[in-house]
C-alpha atoms as a PDB file:
ATOM      1  CA  MET A   1     -20.306  54.754 175.793  1.00  0.00           C
ATOM      2  CA  LYS A   2     -20.045  52.024 173.179  1.00  0.00           C
ATOM      3  CA  ARG A   3     -16.870  50.741 174.758  1.00  0.00           C
ATOM      4  CA  SER A   4     -18.410  50.331 178.156  1.00  0.00           C
ATOM      5  CA  MET A   5     -21.460  48.675 176.595  1.00  0.00           C
ATOM      6  CA  ILE A   6     -19.237  46.226 174.728  1.00  0.00           C
ATOM      7  CA  THR A   7     -17.187  45.529 177.843  1.00  0.00           C
ATOM      8  CA  ALA A   8     -20.306  44.968 179.962  1.00  0.00           C
ATOM      9  CA  THR A   9     -21.791  42.672 177.363  1.00  0.00           C
ATOM     10  CA  ALA A  10     -18.551  40.700 177.131  1.00  0.00           C
ATOM     11  CA  ILE A  11     -18.416  40.276 180.920  1.00  0.00           C
ATOM     12  CA  GLY A  12     -22.074  39.218 180.967  1.00  0.00           C
ATOM     13  CA  ILE A  13     -21.489  36.687 178.259  1.00  0.00           C
ATOM     14  CA  ALA A  14     -18.438  35.343 180.074  1.00  0.00           C
ATOM     15  CA  LEU A  15     -20.417  34.847 183.305  1.00  0.00           C
ATOM     16  CA  VAL A  16     -23.241  33.060 181.502  1.00  0.00           C
ATOM     17  CA  ALA A  17     -20.749  30.905 179.607  1.00  0.00           C
ATOM     18  CA  PHE A  18     -19.269  29.511 182.819  1.00  0.00           C
ATOM     19  CA  ASN A  19     -22.695  28.180 183.753  1.00  0.00           C
ATOM     20  CA  VAL A  20     -23.566  26.861 180.254  1.00  0.00           C
ATOM     21  CA  THR A  21     -21.681  24.100 178.447  1.00  0.00           C
ATOM     22  CA  ASN A  22     -22.262  25.560 174.941  1.00  0.00           C
ATOM     23  CA  ALA A  23     -19.999  28.381 173.730  1.00  0.00           C
ATOM     24  CA  LEU A  24     -21.718  31.690 173.056  1.00  0.00           C
ATOM     25  CA  ALA A  25     -20.656  34.264 170.485  1.00  0.00           C
ATOM     26  CA  GLU A  26     -21.708  37.830 169.786  1.00  0.00           C
ATOM     27  CA  GLN A  27     -20.821  39.990 166.806  1.00  0.00           C
ATOM     28  CA  TYR A  28     -20.627  43.762 166.805  1.00  0.00           C
ATOM     29  CA  ASN A  29     -20.149  46.117 163.894  1.00  0.00           C
ATOM     30  CA  VAL A  30     -17.983  49.017 164.992  1.00  0.00           C
ATOM     31  CA  THR A  31     -15.736  51.627 163.392  1.00  0.00           C
ATOM     32  CA  GLY A  32     -11.976  51.580 163.808  1.00  0.00           C
ATOM     33  CA  VAL A  33      -9.259  54.063 162.890  1.00  0.00           C
ATOM     34  CA  VAL A  34      -6.339  52.952 160.733  1.00  0.00           C
ATOM     35  CA  LYS A  35      -3.069  53.571 162.587  1.00  0.00           C
ATOM     36  CA  GLN A  36      -0.586  51.888 160.238  1.00  0.00           C
ATOM     37  CA  VAL A  37      -0.535  50.620 156.609  1.00  0.00           C
ATOM     38  CA  ASN A  38       2.215  48.308 155.315  1.00  0.00           C
ATOM     39  CA  PRO A  39       1.923  47.355 151.642  1.00  0.00           C
ATOM     40  CA  VAL A  40       3.152  43.860 150.745  1.00  0.00           C
ATOM     41  CA  TYR A  41       4.405  43.056 147.245  1.00  0.00           C
ATOM     42  CA  LYS A  42       5.026  39.757 145.499  1.00  0.00           C
ATOM     43  CA  THR A  43       7.299  38.832 142.612  1.00  0.00           C
ATOM     44  CA  VAL A  44       5.713  37.498 139.420  1.00  0.00           C
ATOM     45  CA  SER A  45       7.418  36.144 136.317  1.00  0.00           C
ATOM     46  CA  GLN A  46       6.336  37.276 132.882  1.00  0.00           C
ATOM     47  CA  GLN A  47       7.380  35.820 129.506  1.00  0.00           C
ATOM     48  CA  ILE A  48       8.350  38.579 127.042  1.00  0.00           C
ATOM     49  CA  PRO A  49       8.437  37.513 123.351  1.00  0.00           C
ATOM     50  CA  THR A  50      11.189  38.865 121.084  1.00  0.00           C
ATOM     51  CA  GLN A  51      11.163  38.292 117.338  1.00  0.00           C
ATOM     52  CA  THR A  52      14.402  38.363 115.347  1.00  0.00           C
ATOM     53  CA  CYS A  53      14.520  38.206 111.549  1.00  0.00           C
ATOM     54  CA  ASN A  54      17.429  37.809 109.132  1.00  0.00           C
ATOM     55  CA  THR A  55      17.907  37.259 105.431  1.00  0.00           C
ATOM     56  CA  VAL A  56      19.344  33.899 104.375  1.00  0.00           C
ATOM     57  CA  ASP A  57      20.520  32.518 101.025  1.00  0.00           C
ATOM     58  CA  VAL A  58      18.409  29.550  99.909  1.00  0.00           C
ATOM     59  CA  PRO A  59      19.876  27.293  97.207  1.00  0.00           C
ATOM     60  CA  VAL A  60      17.999  26.914  93.904  1.00  0.00           C
ATOM     61  CA  TYR A  61      18.372  23.448  92.348  1.00  0.00           C
ATOM     62  CA  GLY A  62      18.376  22.602  88.658  1.00  0.00           C
ATOM     63  CA  ASN A  63      19.321  19.729  86.381  1.00  0.00           C
ATOM     64  CA  SER A  64      22.840  19.339  85.172  1.00  0.00           C
ATOM     65  CA  GLY A  65      23.467  18.334  81.564  1.00  0.00           C
ATOM     66  CA  SER A  66      20.503  18.134  79.193  1.00  0.00           C
ATOM     67  CA  GLN A  67      17.347  19.889  80.219  1.00  0.00           C
ATOM     68  CA  GLY A  68      14.398  17.751  79.114  1.00  0.00           C
ATOM     69  CA  SER A  69      10.772  18.759  79.136  1.00  0.00           C
ATOM     70  CA  SER A  70       8.175  17.366  81.471  1.00  0.00           C
ATOM     71  CA  VAL A  71       4.411  16.922  81.374  1.00  0.00           C
ATOM     72  CA  PHE A  72       2.506  16.565  84.678  1.00  0.00           C
ATOM     73  CA  GLY A  73       5.851  16.035  86.444  1.00  0.00           C
ATOM     74  CA  LEU A  74       6.810  13.134  84.148  1.00  0.00           C
ATOM     75  CA  ASP A  75       9.898  13.225  81.947  1.00  0.00           C
ATOM     76  CA  LEU A  76       8.752  13.494  78.294  1.00  0.00           C
ATOM     77  CA  GLU A  77      11.732  11.639  76.834  1.00  0.00           C
ATOM     78  CA  GLY A  78      11.325   8.788  79.334  1.00  0.00           C
ATOM     79  CA  ALA A  79       7.599   8.602  78.590  1.00  0.00           C
ATOM     80  CA  ILE A  80       8.187   8.272  74.825  1.00  0.00           C
ATOM     81  CA  ILE A  81      10.801   5.570  75.270  1.00  0.00           C
ATOM     82  CA  GLY A  82       8.610   3.779  77.849  1.00  0.00           C
ATOM     83  CA  GLY A  83       5.603   3.916  75.501  1.00  0.00           C
ATOM     84  CA  VAL A  84       7.574   2.344  72.625  1.00  0.00           C
ATOM     85  CA  ILE A  85       8.908  -0.416  74.875  1.00  0.00           C
ATOM     86  CA  GLY A  86       5.446  -0.974  76.418  1.00  0.00           C
ATOM     87  CA  ASN A  87       3.860  -1.399  72.949  1.00  0.00           C
ATOM     88  CA  ASN A  88       6.492  -3.885  71.830  1.00  0.00           C
ATOM     89  CA  VAL A  89       6.542  -5.962  75.013  1.00  0.00           C
ATOM     90  CA  THR A  90       2.773  -6.067  75.563  1.00  0.00           C
ATOM     91  CA  LYS A  91       1.391  -6.424  72.022  1.00  0.00           C
ATOM     92  CA  ASN A  92      -1.714  -8.349  73.114  1.00  0.00           C
ATOM     93  CA  VAL A  93      -2.467  -6.258  76.254  1.00  0.00           C
ATOM     94  CA  ASP A  94      -4.774  -3.222  76.076  1.00  0.00           C
ATOM     95  CA  ASN A  95      -3.104   0.079  77.070  1.00  0.00           C
ATOM     96  CA  GLY A  96       0.331  -1.550  77.328  1.00  0.00           C
ATOM     97  CA  GLY A  97       1.917   1.448  75.640  1.00  0.00           C
ATOM     98  CA  ALA A  98       0.204   3.889  78.043  1.00  0.00           C
ATOM     99  CA  VAL A  99       1.415   1.963  81.072  1.00  0.00           C
ATOM    100  CA  GLY A 100       4.927   1.852  79.612  1.00  0.00           C
ATOM    101  CA  ALA A 101       4.803   5.605  78.951  1.00  0.00           C
ATOM    102  CA  VAL A 102       3.838   6.379  82.574  1.00  0.00           C
ATOM    103  CA  ILE A 103       6.527   4.083  83.982  1.00  0.00           C
ATOM    104  CA  GLY A 104       9.133   5.499  81.589  1.00  0.00           C
ATOM    105  CA  GLY A 105       8.138   9.066  82.529  1.00  0.00           C
ATOM    106  CA  ILE A 106       8.466   8.341  86.249  1.00  0.00           C
ATOM    107  CA  LEU A 107      11.844   6.636  85.849  1.00  0.00           C
ATOM    108  CA  GLY A 108      13.121   9.473  83.642  1.00  0.00           C
ATOM    109  CA  SER A 109      12.006  12.086  86.216  1.00  0.00           C
ATOM    110  CA  GLN A 110      13.708  10.264  89.053  1.00  0.00           C
ATOM    111  CA  GLN A 111      16.933  10.028  87.079  1.00  0.00           C
ATOM    112  CA  LYS A 112      16.898  13.765  86.334  1.00  0.00           C
ATOM    113  CA  GLN A 113      16.255  14.593  90.007  1.00  0.00           C
ATOM    114  CA  LYS A 114      19.410  12.653  90.910  1.00  0.00           C
ATOM    115  CA  ASN A 115      21.383  14.869  88.547  1.00  0.00           C
ATOM    116  CA  GLN A 116      20.193  18.121  90.187  1.00  0.00           C
ATOM    117  CA  GLN A 117      22.705  20.538  91.594  1.00  0.00           C
ATOM    118  CA  ILE A 118      22.708  24.088  92.924  1.00  0.00           C
ATOM    119  CA  VAL A 119      22.310  26.523  90.028  1.00  0.00           C
ATOM    120  CA  GLY A 120      21.920  29.690  92.105  1.00  0.00           C
ATOM    121  CA  TYR A 121      20.649  31.257  95.310  1.00  0.00           C
ATOM    122  CA  ARG A 122      17.629  33.352  96.258  1.00  0.00           C
ATOM    123  CA  GLN A 123      17.298  35.448  99.376  1.00  0.00           C
ATOM    124  CA  GLU A 124      14.557  34.692 101.868  1.00  0.00           C
ATOM    125  CA  GLN A 125      13.646  36.349 105.164  1.00  0.00           C
ATOM    126  CA  ARG A 126      13.299  33.971 108.120  1.00  0.00           C
ATOM    127  CA  CYS A 127      12.067  34.942 111.572  1.00  0.00           C
ATOM    128  CA  ALA A 128      12.197  33.227 114.969  1.00  0.00           C
ATOM    129  CA  THR A 129      10.553  34.091 118.284  1.00  0.00           C
ATOM    130  CA  SER A 130      12.442  33.715 121.560  1.00  0.00           C
ATOM    131  CA  TYR A 131      11.188  34.383 125.081  1.00  0.00           C
ATOM    132  CA  THR A 132      12.902  36.044 128.028  1.00  0.00           C
ATOM    133  CA  THR A 133      11.637  35.844 131.591  1.00  0.00           C
ATOM    134  CA  GLN A 134      11.162  39.154 133.368  1.00  0.00           C
ATOM    135  CA  GLN A 135      10.609  39.451 137.135  1.00  0.00           C
ATOM    136  CA  GLN A 136       8.215  42.153 138.313  1.00  0.00           C
ATOM    137  CA  GLN A 137       7.044  43.342 141.732  1.00  0.00           C
ATOM    138  CA  VAL A 138       3.232  43.689 142.017  1.00  0.00           C
ATOM    139  CA  PHE A 139       0.932  44.656 144.881  1.00  0.00           C
ATOM    140  CA  SER A 140      -0.271  41.668 146.922  1.00  0.00           C
ATOM    141  CA  HIS A 141      -2.106  43.143 149.940  1.00  0.00           C
ATOM    142  CA  ASN A 142      -1.893  45.661 152.785  1.00  0.00           C
ATOM    143  CA  GLU A 143      -1.191  44.702 156.371  1.00  0.00           C
ATOM    144  CA  ILE A 144      -2.987  47.259 158.517  1.00  0.00           C
ATOM    145  CA  VAL A 145      -3.111  48.109 162.220  1.00  0.00           C
ATOM    146  CA  VAL A 146      -6.486  49.433 163.414  1.00  0.00           C
ATOM    147  CA  ASP A 147      -7.516  50.996 166.726  1.00  0.00           C
ATOM    148  CA  VAL A 148     -10.950  49.618 167.677  1.00  0.00           C
ATOM    149  CA  GLU A 149     -12.424  50.974 170.887  1.00  0.00           C
ATOM    150  CA  GLY A 150      -8.936  51.176 172.444  1.00  0.00           C
ATOM    151  CA  LEU A 151      -7.917  47.717 171.224  1.00  0.00           C
ATOM    152  CA  THR A 152      -5.187  47.318 168.620  1.00  0.00           C
ATOM    153  CA  VAL A 153      -6.089  44.881 165.867  1.00  0.00           C
ATOM    154  CA  SER A 154      -4.002  43.872 162.849  1.00  0.00           C
ATOM    155  CA  ALA A 155      -5.402  42.441 159.625  1.00  0.00           C
ATOM    156  CA  LYS A 156      -4.701  41.878 155.939  1.00  0.00           C
ATOM    157  CA  THR A 157      -6.759  43.545 153.233  1.00  0.00           C
ATOM    158  CA  ALA A 158      -6.662  43.508 149.437  1.00  0.00           C
ATOM    159  CA  ARG A 159      -7.850  47.112 149.398  1.00  0.00           C
ATOM    160  CA  GLN A 160      -5.196  49.467 148.069  1.00  0.00           C
ATOM    161  CA  ASP A 161      -6.984  52.683 149.051  1.00  0.00           C
ATOM    162  CA  VAL A 162      -6.551  52.295 152.851  1.00  0.00           C
ATOM    163  CA  GLN A 163      -4.817  55.299 154.436  1.00  0.00           C
ATOM    164  CA  VAL A 164      -3.578  56.107 157.935  1.00  0.00           C
ATOM    165  CA  GLY A 165      -6.234  58.025 159.870  1.00  0.00           C
ATOM    166  CA  ALA A 166      -9.156  56.660 157.831  1.00  0.00           C
ATOM    167  CA  SER A 167     -12.233  55.232 159.533  1.00  0.00           C
ATOM    168  CA  ILE A 168     -12.891  51.645 158.608  1.00  0.00           C
ATOM    169  CA  PRO A 169     -15.772  49.283 159.453  1.00  0.00           C
ATOM    170  CA  VAL A 170     -14.778  46.362 161.696  1.00  0.00           C
ATOM    171  CA  THR A 171     -16.801  43.347 162.801  1.00  0.00           C
ATOM    172  CA  MET A 172     -15.868  42.168 166.289  1.00  0.00           C
ATOM    173  CA  THR A 173     -16.746  38.678 167.446  1.00  0.00           C
ATOM    174  CA  LEU A 174     -16.699  37.892 171.138  1.00  0.00           C
ATOM    175  CA  GLN A 175     -16.820  34.238 172.038  1.00  0.00           C
ATOM    176  CA  VAL A 176     -16.557  32.492 175.377  1.00  0.00           C
ATOM    177  CA  GLN A 177     -15.276  28.951 175.361  1.00  0.00           C
END
């Protein structure tokens, strides 16, 4: 009954459309039966992190020769010598000895750093992360074939739960041009 009503309406619309310059369209909500379901998959790339760790020997540096003491990172022997020189050179300048001590301490520290060499090793764990690309197939959509009132219609749907034989709502649009 519905089919004949739809067909009659379509014919009526077509006849009216030939006499009218504007296109007419009608929409009908009907139920169709799924005849075929074809799932379509797509390939996606995924970055997989992998962490690798290993133990490495790290050199420990020390001074060769005489081991002097330091205060605030300044060489104590260099500071004493610098202070004496600063006092003698700058007799009429306030804090000349203090400035000489600081300069002597810095110069003494730098000289001792030049004399450093490897005195041993300590073990340290170091880790690095690398990434591998993995390809994976995932669901994209279903291409379905539906029987609607004796007409075969194909469509795409994102629904994954569509099964052959299921009733499915369909909107039909009839348009005369």
